[in-house]
Amino acid sequence: MQTGTLFEYDQINKSVLLGSPYMKKLITCLFLLVAAFKLSAHADDLDSLKQKLQLTADSLKGPIYTQIANQYLNFDTVANRRVRLFYQNEALNYTMLALHRYSSANDTLGLRTSFNNLSKIYRAQKKYSQAKWFILQSNTISRQRNDVPNIIASLIELSAIKADIKDYNLAMRDLNEALSLSVKNNDPKNESAVQVGYAGLYRHMKEYTKATLAIKRHEFIDDSIAHKIELDRLAVINKQDSVKIKKQDSAIAKKKVYTSNYRRGSFLKSARGITLL
């Protein structure tokens, strides 16, 4: 009875402490310190990249512009609306600068990265026509290169944009093509991503049972991937153990041969000695 009372007393103390103005201020201060640290690291990275930009030839600035844009592309983690809009605009500006450099250099991979980033920004700003146009450009480059994983990724994103504008039939068509490609190319990782796309589309359509089933398929595929990785890991360990055992057996066999030869040599010497006598 006494132990229970002490436990309850301890819980009450914790509850009072956590709910106290002092604790709330402490938590707020810690949160602000973490945020300030992140902002400081972010600013340092940006300063370093911008200094690097000044020392780089114009024709080689595309990747640096992309790196700077990437510093702002996590705008979806920013709570403040004005700051988020600032991040989006900076990401847009630097991606456009990168796009022009990649275009001049005929760098299709750089162009595709820029198209993906622009689609993300415009979709976040609910400018769906622009978002769709840029992801289609990305999809075209991937098809020209026969880059199936990126064809699938762009189809998933294209489907999500179409779902946003309630173009559900075309969104479903894009996901069906993505699923077909992932199965045909034995790509379970992308097949899993397609199932997440289906879940999102079904939620837009308010078909929640189908959305749940899609998530279950996604989880099943992910579990299968993890299981295969574990089996492959164990196979590697078994192979290493097998090689180690073979080496040990070989060493033992060599030792036996050496011992046998040594004994045979000793016996022959003894026999010769007897013969000479």
C-alpha atoms as a PDB file:
ATOM      1  CA  MET A   1       0.000   0.000   0.000  1.00  0.00           C
ATOM      2  CA  GLN A   2       2.824   2.356   0.870  1.00  0.00           C
ATOM      3  CA  THR A   3       4.672   1.618  -2.406  1.00  0.00           C
ATOM      4  CA  GLY A   4       1.545   2.434  -4.412  1.00  0.00           C
ATOM      5  CA  THR A   5       1.177   5.730  -2.559  1.00  0.00           C
ATOM      6  CA  LEU A   6       4.798   6.688  -3.219  1.00  0.00           C
ATOM      7  CA  PHE A   7       4.349   5.833  -6.914  1.00  0.00           C
ATOM      8  CA  GLU A   8       1.218   7.971  -7.147  1.00  0.00           C
ATOM      9  CA  TYR A   9       2.980  10.810  -5.326  1.00  0.00           C
ATOM     10  CA  ASP A  10       5.873  10.603  -7.782  1.00  0.00           C
ATOM     11  CA  GLN A  11       3.476  10.687 -10.749  1.00  0.00           C
ATOM     12  CA  ILE A  12       1.686  13.727  -9.316  1.00  0.00           C
ATOM     13  CA  ASN A  13       5.025  15.502  -8.837  1.00  0.00           C
ATOM     14  CA  LYS A  14       5.974  14.792 -12.448  1.00  0.00           C
ATOM     15  CA  SER A  15       2.587  16.004 -13.675  1.00  0.00           C
ATOM     16  CA  VAL A  16       2.840  19.220 -11.656  1.00  0.00           C
ATOM     17  CA  LEU A  17       6.439  19.792 -12.750  1.00  0.00           C
ATOM     18  CA  LEU A  18       5.688  19.250 -16.447  1.00  0.00           C
ATOM     19  CA  GLY A  19       2.649  21.513 -16.224  1.00  0.00           C
ATOM     20  CA  SER A  20       4.440  24.246 -14.313  1.00  0.00           C
ATOM     21  CA  PRO A  21       5.257  27.604 -15.963  1.00  0.00           C
ATOM     22  CA  TYR A  22       8.948  26.985 -15.227  1.00  0.00           C
ATOM     23  CA  MET A  23       8.975  23.691 -17.137  1.00  0.00           C
ATOM     24  CA  LYS A  24       7.043  25.220 -20.038  1.00  0.00           C
ATOM     25  CA  LYS A  25       9.600  28.024 -20.271  1.00  0.00           C
ATOM     26  CA  LEU A  26      12.444  25.503 -20.110  1.00  0.00           C
ATOM     27  CA  ILE A  27      10.947  23.403 -22.928  1.00  0.00           C
ATOM     28  CA  THR A  28      10.394  26.541 -25.003  1.00  0.00           C
ATOM     29  CA  CYS A  29      13.996  27.642 -24.466  1.00  0.00           C
ATOM     30  CA  LEU A  30      15.297  24.209 -25.465  1.00  0.00           C
ATOM     31  CA  PHE A  31      13.140  24.273 -28.594  1.00  0.00           C
ATOM     32  CA  LEU A  32      14.442  27.726 -29.514  1.00  0.00           C
ATOM     33  CA  LEU A  33      18.045  26.648 -28.926  1.00  0.00           C
ATOM     34  CA  VAL A  34      17.627  23.644 -31.240  1.00  0.00           C
ATOM     35  CA  ALA A  35      15.955  25.830 -33.870  1.00  0.00           C
ATOM     36  CA  ALA A  36      18.721  28.430 -33.590  1.00  0.00           C
ATOM     37  CA  PHE A  37      21.372  25.733 -33.968  1.00  0.00           C
ATOM     38  CA  LYS A  38      19.693  24.416 -37.111  1.00  0.00           C
ATOM     39  CA  LEU A  39      19.365  27.913 -38.565  1.00  0.00           C
ATOM     40  CA  SER A  40      23.023  28.606 -37.810  1.00  0.00           C
ATOM     41  CA  ALA A  41      24.112  25.402 -39.571  1.00  0.00           C
ATOM     42  CA  HIS A  42      21.811  26.236 -42.475  1.00  0.00           C
ATOM     43  CA  ALA A  43      23.295  29.749 -42.743  1.00  0.00           C
ATOM     44  CA  ASP A  44      26.852  28.379 -42.612  1.00  0.00           C
ATOM     45  CA  ASP A  45      26.097  25.955 -45.444  1.00  0.00           C
ATOM     46  CA  LEU A  46      24.546  28.711 -47.531  1.00  0.00           C
ATOM     47  CA  ASP A  47      27.468  31.082 -46.934  1.00  0.00           C
ATOM     48  CA  SER A  48      29.927  28.357 -47.925  1.00  0.00           C
ATOM     49  CA  LEU A  49      28.018  27.564 -51.118  1.00  0.00           C
ATOM     50  CA  LYS A  50      27.656  31.220 -52.073  1.00  0.00           C
ATOM     51  CA  GLN A  51      31.386  31.779 -51.570  1.00  0.00           C
ATOM     52  CA  LYS A  52      32.057  28.736 -53.731  1.00  0.00           C
ATOM     53  CA  LEU A  53      29.765  30.231 -56.366  1.00  0.00           C
ATOM     54  CA  GLN A  54      31.961  33.326 -56.619  1.00  0.00           C
ATOM     55  CA  LEU A  55      35.021  31.179 -57.373  1.00  0.00           C
ATOM     56  CA  THR A  56      33.361  28.959 -59.990  1.00  0.00           C
ATOM     57  CA  ALA A  57      33.169  29.503 -63.745  1.00  0.00           C
ATOM     58  CA  ASP A  58      29.681  30.310 -65.047  1.00  0.00           C
ATOM     59  CA  SER A  59      29.489  27.097 -67.061  1.00  0.00           C
ATOM     60  CA  LEU A  60      30.023  25.034 -63.888  1.00  0.00           C
ATOM     61  CA  LYS A  61      27.617  26.854 -61.579  1.00  0.00           C
ATOM     62  CA  GLY A  62      24.576  24.632 -62.231  1.00  0.00           C
ATOM     63  CA  PRO A  63      25.274  22.031 -59.509  1.00  0.00           C
ATOM     64  CA  ILE A  64      26.077  24.763 -56.973  1.00  0.00           C
ATOM     65  CA  TYR A  65      22.806  26.557 -57.723  1.00  0.00           C
ATOM     66  CA  THR A  66      21.058  23.207 -57.202  1.00  0.00           C
ATOM     67  CA  GLN A  67      22.808  22.694 -53.850  1.00  0.00           C
ATOM     68  CA  ILE A  68      21.721  26.160 -52.725  1.00  0.00           C
ATOM     69  CA  ALA A  69      18.156  25.443 -53.876  1.00  0.00           C
ATOM     70  CA  ASN A  70      18.230  22.201 -51.874  1.00  0.00           C
ATOM     71  CA  GLN A  71      18.850  24.236 -48.721  1.00  0.00           C
ATOM     72  CA  TYR A  72      15.424  25.825 -49.263  1.00  0.00           C
ATOM     73  CA  LEU A  73      13.529  22.813 -50.625  1.00  0.00           C
ATOM     74  CA  ASN A  74      12.664  21.582 -47.118  1.00  0.00           C
ATOM     75  CA  PHE A  75      10.116  24.424 -46.957  1.00  0.00           C
ATOM     76  CA  ASP A  76       7.407  21.906 -46.046  1.00  0.00           C
ATOM     77  CA  THR A  77       9.025  21.572 -42.593  1.00  0.00           C
ATOM     78  CA  VAL A  78       8.679  25.316 -41.899  1.00  0.00           C
ATOM     79  CA  ALA A  79       5.651  26.246 -39.790  1.00  0.00           C
ATOM     80  CA  ASN A  80       5.670  30.017 -40.311  1.00  0.00           C
ATOM     81  CA  ARG A  81       3.771  30.869 -43.510  1.00  0.00           C
ATOM     82  CA  ARG A  82       5.925  33.872 -44.448  1.00  0.00           C
ATOM     83  CA  VAL A  83       9.178  32.008 -43.885  1.00  0.00           C
ATOM     84  CA  ARG A  84       7.825  29.064 -45.856  1.00  0.00           C
ATOM     85  CA  LEU A  85       6.932  31.340 -48.774  1.00  0.00           C
ATOM     86  CA  PHE A  86      10.427  32.891 -48.621  1.00  0.00           C
ATOM     87  CA  TYR A  87      11.968  29.407 -48.773  1.00  0.00           C
ATOM     88  CA  GLN A  88       9.790  28.491 -51.747  1.00  0.00           C
ATOM     89  CA  ASN A  89      10.753  31.631 -53.651  1.00  0.00           C
ATOM     90  CA  GLU A  90      14.463  31.155 -52.944  1.00  0.00           C
ATOM     91  CA  ALA A  91      14.251  27.512 -54.028  1.00  0.00           C
ATOM     92  CA  LEU A  92      12.447  28.622 -57.169  1.00  0.00           C
ATOM     93  CA  ASN A  93      14.984  31.344 -58.001  1.00  0.00           C
ATOM     94  CA  TYR A  94      18.065  29.168 -57.553  1.00  0.00           C
ATOM     95  CA  THR A  95      16.480  26.215 -59.380  1.00  0.00           C
ATOM     96  CA  MET A  96      15.726  28.485 -62.343  1.00  0.00           C
ATOM     97  CA  LEU A  97      19.354  29.659 -62.341  1.00  0.00           C
ATOM     98  CA  ALA A  98      20.490  26.039 -62.292  1.00  0.00           C
ATOM     99  CA  LEU A  99      18.053  25.169 -65.072  1.00  0.00           C
ATOM    100  CA  HIS A 100      19.558  27.779 -67.401  1.00  0.00           C
ATOM    101  CA  ARG A 101      23.083  26.490 -66.755  1.00  0.00           C
ATOM    102  CA  TYR A 102      22.077  22.885 -67.340  1.00  0.00           C
ATOM    103  CA  SER A 103      20.259  23.887 -70.511  1.00  0.00           C
ATOM    104  CA  SER A 104      23.350  25.666 -71.861  1.00  0.00           C
ATOM    105  CA  ALA A 105      25.480  22.605 -71.110  1.00  0.00           C
ATOM    106  CA  ASN A 106      22.835  20.187 -72.465  1.00  0.00           C
ATOM    107  CA  ASP A 107      22.997  18.376 -69.113  1.00  0.00           C
ATOM    108  CA  THR A 108      19.848  16.243 -69.172  1.00  0.00           C
ATOM    109  CA  LEU A 109      20.304  14.836 -65.654  1.00  0.00           C
ATOM    110  CA  GLY A 110      20.715  18.330 -64.251  1.00  0.00           C
ATOM    111  CA  LEU A 111      17.641  19.429 -66.197  1.00  0.00           C
ATOM    112  CA  ARG A 112      15.627  16.520 -64.810  1.00  0.00           C
ATOM    113  CA  THR A 113      16.617  17.367 -61.230  1.00  0.00           C
ATOM    114  CA  SER A 114      15.550  20.985 -61.842  1.00  0.00           C
ATOM    115  CA  PHE A 115      12.229  19.888 -63.362  1.00  0.00           C
ATOM    116  CA  ASN A 116      11.530  17.668 -60.318  1.00  0.00           C
ATOM    117  CA  ASN A 117      12.321  20.510 -57.913  1.00  0.00           C
ATOM    118  CA  LEU A 118      10.198  23.034 -59.821  1.00  0.00           C
ATOM    119  CA  SER A 119       7.281  20.614 -59.872  1.00  0.00           C
ATOM    120  CA  LYS A 120       7.546  20.207 -56.092  1.00  0.00           C
ATOM    121  CA  ILE A 121       7.585  23.980 -55.517  1.00  0.00           C
ATOM    122  CA  TYR A 122       4.677  24.743 -57.841  1.00  0.00           C
ATOM    123  CA  ARG A 123       2.600  21.921 -56.405  1.00  0.00           C
ATOM    124  CA  ALA A 124       3.158  23.293 -52.886  1.00  0.00           C
ATOM    125  CA  GLN A 125       2.005  26.692 -54.181  1.00  0.00           C
ATOM    126  CA  LYS A 126      -1.069  25.015 -55.729  1.00  0.00           C
ATOM    127  CA  LYS A 127       0.044  26.055 -59.223  1.00  0.00           C
ATOM    128  CA  TYR A 128      -0.907  22.691 -60.630  1.00  0.00           C
ATOM    129  CA  SER A 129      -0.566  23.445 -64.354  1.00  0.00           C
ATOM    130  CA  GLN A 130       3.083  24.418 -63.887  1.00  0.00           C
ATOM    131  CA  ALA A 131       3.705  21.509 -61.518  1.00  0.00           C
ATOM    132  CA  LYS A 132       2.263  19.060 -64.044  1.00  0.00           C
ATOM    133  CA  TRP A 133       4.205  20.537 -66.964  1.00  0.00           C
ATOM    134  CA  PHE A 134       7.567  20.272 -65.204  1.00  0.00           C
ATOM    135  CA  ILE A 135       7.037  16.700 -63.987  1.00  0.00           C
ATOM    136  CA  LEU A 136       6.066  15.744 -67.538  1.00  0.00           C
ATOM    137  CA  GLN A 137       9.398  17.150 -68.750  1.00  0.00           C
ATOM    138  CA  SER A 138      11.151  15.031 -66.134  1.00  0.00           C
ATOM    139  CA  ASN A 139       9.175  11.989 -67.262  1.00  0.00           C
ATOM    140  CA  THR A 140      10.117  12.632 -70.908  1.00  0.00           C
ATOM    141  CA  ILE A 141      13.840  12.727 -70.103  1.00  0.00           C
ATOM    142  CA  SER A 142      13.574   9.482 -68.122  1.00  0.00           C
ATOM    143  CA  ARG A 143      11.776   7.786 -71.016  1.00  0.00           C
ATOM    144  CA  GLN A 144      14.414   8.991 -73.479  1.00  0.00           C
ATOM    145  CA  ARG A 145      17.089   7.491 -71.236  1.00  0.00           C
ATOM    146  CA  ASN A 146      15.023   4.349 -70.576  1.00  0.00           C
ATOM    147  CA  ASP A 147      15.503   5.089 -66.870  1.00  0.00           C
ATOM    148  CA  VAL A 148      12.676   2.959 -65.484  1.00  0.00           C
ATOM    149  CA  PRO A 149      12.999   3.839 -61.756  1.00  0.00           C
ATOM    150  CA  ASN A 150      12.731   7.554 -62.554  1.00  0.00           C
ATOM    151  CA  ILE A 151       9.892   6.959 -65.026  1.00  0.00           C
ATOM    152  CA  ILE A 152       8.039   5.296 -62.152  1.00  0.00           C
ATOM    153  CA  ALA A 153       8.905   8.104 -59.697  1.00  0.00           C
ATOM    154  CA  SER A 154       7.659  10.789 -62.098  1.00  0.00           C
ATOM    155  CA  LEU A 155       4.455   8.839 -62.795  1.00  0.00           C
ATOM    156  CA  ILE A 156       3.757   8.615 -59.055  1.00  0.00           C
ATOM    157  CA  GLU A 157       4.270  12.368 -58.670  1.00  0.00           C
ATOM    158  CA  LEU A 158       2.191  13.101 -61.786  1.00  0.00           C
ATOM    159  CA  SER A 159      -0.607  10.968 -60.375  1.00  0.00           C
ATOM    160  CA  ALA A 160      -0.502  12.888 -57.072  1.00  0.00           C
ATOM    161  CA  ILE A 161      -0.792  16.217 -58.896  1.00  0.00           C
ATOM    162  CA  LYS A 162      -3.755  14.931 -60.914  1.00  0.00           C
ATOM    163  CA  ALA A 163      -5.367  13.706 -57.687  1.00  0.00           C
ATOM    164  CA  ASP A 164      -4.977  17.232 -56.258  1.00  0.00           C
ATOM    165  CA  ILE A 165      -7.073  18.594 -59.152  1.00  0.00           C
ATOM    166  CA  LYS A 166      -9.554  15.689 -58.896  1.00  0.00           C
ATOM    167  CA  ASP A 167      -8.548  14.179 -62.227  1.00  0.00           C
ATOM    168  CA  TYR A 168      -8.882  10.739 -60.693  1.00  0.00           C
ATOM    169  CA  ASN A 169      -9.167   8.597 -63.847  1.00  0.00           C
ATOM    170  CA  LEU A 170      -5.898   9.916 -65.306  1.00  0.00           C
ATOM    171  CA  ALA A 171      -4.237   9.710 -61.888  1.00  0.00           C
ATOM    172  CA  MET A 172      -5.214   6.029 -61.689  1.00  0.00           C
ATOM    173  CA  ARG A 173      -3.887   5.433 -65.218  1.00  0.00           C
ATOM    174  CA  ASP A 174      -0.473   6.838 -64.244  1.00  0.00           C
ATOM    175  CA  LEU A 175      -0.294   4.622 -61.153  1.00  0.00           C
ATOM    176  CA  ASN A 176      -1.348   1.555 -63.141  1.00  0.00           C
ATOM    177  CA  GLU A 177       1.490   2.193 -65.599  1.00  0.00           C
ATOM    178  CA  ALA A 178       3.929   2.715 -62.722  1.00  0.00           C
ATOM    179  CA  LEU A 179       2.804  -0.544 -61.107  1.00  0.00           C
ATOM    180  CA  SER A 180       3.127  -2.440 -64.392  1.00  0.00           C
ATOM    181  CA  LEU A 181       6.683  -1.129 -64.883  1.00  0.00           C
ATOM    182  CA  SER A 182       7.760  -1.969 -61.331  1.00  0.00           C
ATOM    183  CA  VAL A 183       6.405  -5.540 -61.566  1.00  0.00           C
ATOM    184  CA  LYS A 184       7.829  -6.090 -65.071  1.00  0.00           C
ATOM    185  CA  ASN A 185      11.272  -4.918 -63.927  1.00  0.00           C
ATOM    186  CA  ASN A 186      11.144  -6.836 -60.633  1.00  0.00           C
ATOM    187  CA  ASP A 187      11.483  -3.623 -58.622  1.00  0.00           C
ATOM    188  CA  PRO A 188       9.742  -4.212 -55.261  1.00  0.00           C
ATOM    189  CA  LYS A 189      10.984  -0.940 -53.764  1.00  0.00           C
ATOM    190  CA  ASN A 190       9.175   1.099 -56.409  1.00  0.00           C
ATOM    191  CA  GLU A 191       6.220  -1.289 -56.329  1.00  0.00           C
ATOM    192  CA  SER A 192       5.897  -0.415 -52.647  1.00  0.00           C
ATOM    193  CA  ALA A 193       6.064   3.311 -53.486  1.00  0.00           C
ATOM    194  CA  VAL A 194       3.297   2.846 -56.063  1.00  0.00           C
ATOM    195  CA  GLN A 195       1.076   1.308 -53.363  1.00  0.00           C
ATOM    196  CA  VAL A 196       1.582   4.434 -51.242  1.00  0.00           C
ATOM    197  CA  GLY A 197       0.503   6.414 -54.314  1.00  0.00           C
ATOM    198  CA  TYR A 198      -2.647   4.298 -54.591  1.00  0.00           C
ATOM    199  CA  ALA A 199      -3.389   4.911 -50.909  1.00  0.00           C
ATOM    200  CA  GLY A 200      -3.099   8.674 -51.397  1.00  0.00           C
ATOM    201  CA  LEU A 201      -5.329   8.598 -54.472  1.00  0.00           C
ATOM    202  CA  TYR A 202      -7.985   6.477 -52.742  1.00  0.00           C
ATOM    203  CA  ARG A 203      -7.998   8.892 -49.798  1.00  0.00           C
ATOM    204  CA  HIS A 204      -8.628  11.755 -52.232  1.00  0.00           C
ATOM    205  CA  MET A 205     -11.517   9.711 -53.643  1.00  0.00           C
ATOM    206  CA  LYS A 206     -12.767   9.014 -50.084  1.00  0.00           C
ATOM    207  CA  GLU A 207     -12.431   5.270 -50.670  1.00  0.00           C
ATOM    208  CA  TYR A 208     -10.798   4.617 -47.330  1.00  0.00           C
ATOM    209  CA  THR A 209     -11.111   0.812 -47.337  1.00  0.00           C
ATOM    210  CA  LYS A 210      -9.149   0.622 -50.594  1.00  0.00           C
ATOM    211  CA  ALA A 211      -6.617   3.099 -49.176  1.00  0.00           C
ATOM    212  CA  THR A 212      -6.106   0.822 -46.154  1.00  0.00           C
ATOM    213  CA  LEU A 213      -5.625  -2.221 -48.392  1.00  0.00           C
ATOM    214  CA  ALA A 214      -3.033  -0.333 -50.456  1.00  0.00           C
ATOM    215  CA  ILE A 215      -1.105   0.566 -47.299  1.00  0.00           C
ATOM    216  CA  LYS A 216      -1.224  -3.081 -46.205  1.00  0.00           C
ATOM    217  CA  ARG A 217       0.215  -4.139 -49.583  1.00  0.00           C
ATOM    218  CA  HIS A 218       2.922  -1.493 -49.181  1.00  0.00           C
ATOM    219  CA  GLU A 219       3.806  -2.799 -45.717  1.00  0.00           C
ATOM    220  CA  PHE A 220       3.780  -6.430 -46.931  1.00  0.00           C
ATOM    221  CA  ILE A 221       6.182  -5.577 -49.782  1.00  0.00           C
ATOM    222  CA  ASP A 222       8.468  -3.649 -47.428  1.00  0.00           C
ATOM    223  CA  ASP A 223       8.512  -6.600 -45.011  1.00  0.00           C
ATOM    224  CA  SER A 224       9.372  -8.928 -47.901  1.00  0.00           C
ATOM    225  CA  ILE A 225      12.242  -6.639 -48.941  1.00  0.00           C
ATOM    226  CA  ALA A 226      13.575  -6.554 -45.372  1.00  0.00           C
ATOM    227  CA  HIS A 227      13.287 -10.357 -45.140  1.00  0.00           C
ATOM    228  CA  LYS A 228      15.224 -10.811 -48.389  1.00  0.00           C
ATOM    229  CA  ILE A 229      17.941  -8.412 -47.213  1.00  0.00           C
ATOM    230  CA  GLU A 230      18.282 -10.454 -44.011  1.00  0.00           C
ATOM    231  CA  LEU A 231      18.476 -13.727 -45.975  1.00  0.00           C
ATOM    232  CA  ASP A 232      21.126 -12.235 -48.265  1.00  0.00           C
ATOM    233  CA  ARG A 233      23.078 -11.060 -45.220  1.00  0.00           C
ATOM    234  CA  LEU A 234      22.960 -14.526 -43.671  1.00  0.00           C
ATOM    235  CA  ALA A 235      23.996 -16.091 -46.991  1.00  0.00           C
ATOM    236  CA  VAL A 236      27.064 -13.830 -47.108  1.00  0.00           C
ATOM    237  CA  ILE A 237      27.961 -14.775 -43.512  1.00  0.00           C
ATOM    238  CA  ASN A 238      27.514 -18.477 -44.300  1.00  0.00           C
ATOM    239  CA  LYS A 239      29.693 -18.130 -47.380  1.00  0.00           C
ATOM    240  CA  GLN A 240      32.384 -16.360 -45.347  1.00  0.00           C
ATOM    241  CA  ASP A 241      32.190 -19.088 -42.696  1.00  0.00           C
ATOM    242  CA  SER A 242      32.405 -21.760 -45.395  1.00  0.00           C
ATOM    243  CA  VAL A 243      35.507 -20.154 -46.901  1.00  0.00           C
ATOM    244  CA  LYS A 244      37.044 -19.851 -43.434  1.00  0.00           C
ATOM    245  CA  ILE A 245      36.336 -23.510 -42.674  1.00  0.00           C
ATOM    246  CA  LYS A 246      37.808 -24.584 -46.027  1.00  0.00           C
ATOM    247  CA  LYS A 247      40.957 -22.580 -45.281  1.00  0.00           C
ATOM    248  CA  GLN A 248      41.189 -24.177 -41.851  1.00  0.00           C
ATOM    249  CA  ASP A 249      40.669 -27.661 -43.363  1.00  0.00           C
ATOM    250  CA  SER A 250      43.312 -26.914 -45.996  1.00  0.00           C
ATOM    251  CA  ALA A 251      45.778 -25.793 -43.323  1.00  0.00           C
ATOM    252  CA  ILE A 252      45.089 -28.924 -41.267  1.00  0.00           C
ATOM    253  CA  ALA A 253      45.519 -31.137 -44.353  1.00  0.00           C
ATOM    254  CA  LYS A 254      48.835 -29.441 -45.198  1.00  0.00           C
ATOM    255  CA  LYS A 255      49.988 -29.906 -41.609  1.00  0.00           C
ATOM    256  CA  LYS A 256      49.099 -33.613 -41.757  1.00  0.00           C
ATOM    257  CA  VAL A 257      51.010 -34.032 -45.038  1.00  0.00           C
ATOM    258  CA  TYR A 258      54.008 -32.211 -43.574  1.00  0.00           C
ATOM    259  CA  THR A 259      53.897 -34.371 -40.415  1.00  0.00           C
ATOM    260  CA  SER A 260      53.541 -37.542 -42.459  1.00  0.00           C
ATOM    261  CA  ASN A 261      56.454 -36.591 -44.727  1.00  0.00           C
ATOM    262  CA  TYR A 262      58.581 -35.687 -41.721  1.00  0.00           C
ATOM    263  CA  ARG A 263      57.885 -39.022 -40.046  1.00  0.00           C
ATOM    264  CA  ARG A 264      58.506 -40.883 -43.312  1.00  0.00           C
ATOM    265  CA  GLY A 265      61.798 -38.986 -43.737  1.00  0.00           C
ATOM    266  CA  SER A 266      62.856 -39.852 -40.191  1.00  0.00           C
ATOM    267  CA  PHE A 267      61.954 -43.498 -40.749  1.00  0.00           C
ATOM    268  CA  LEU A 268      63.989 -43.641 -43.981  1.00  0.00           C
ATOM    269  CA  LYS A 269      67.004 -42.082 -42.255  1.00  0.00           C
ATOM    270  CA  SER A 270      66.741 -44.673 -39.492  1.00  0.00           C
ATOM    271  CA  ALA A 271      66.430 -47.473 -42.067  1.00  0.00           C
ATOM    272  CA  ARG A 272      69.506 -46.249 -43.963  1.00  0.00           C
ATOM    273  CA  GLY A 273      71.449 -46.120 -40.717  1.00  0.00           C
ATOM    274  CA  ILE A 274      70.576 -49.761 -39.938  1.00  0.00           C
ATOM    275  CA  THR A 275      71.529 -50.837 -43.469  1.00  0.00           C
ATOM    276  CA  LEU A 276      74.943 -49.179 -43.200  1.00  0.00           C
ATOM    277  CA  LEU A 277      75.578 -51.049 -39.999  1.00  0.00           C
END
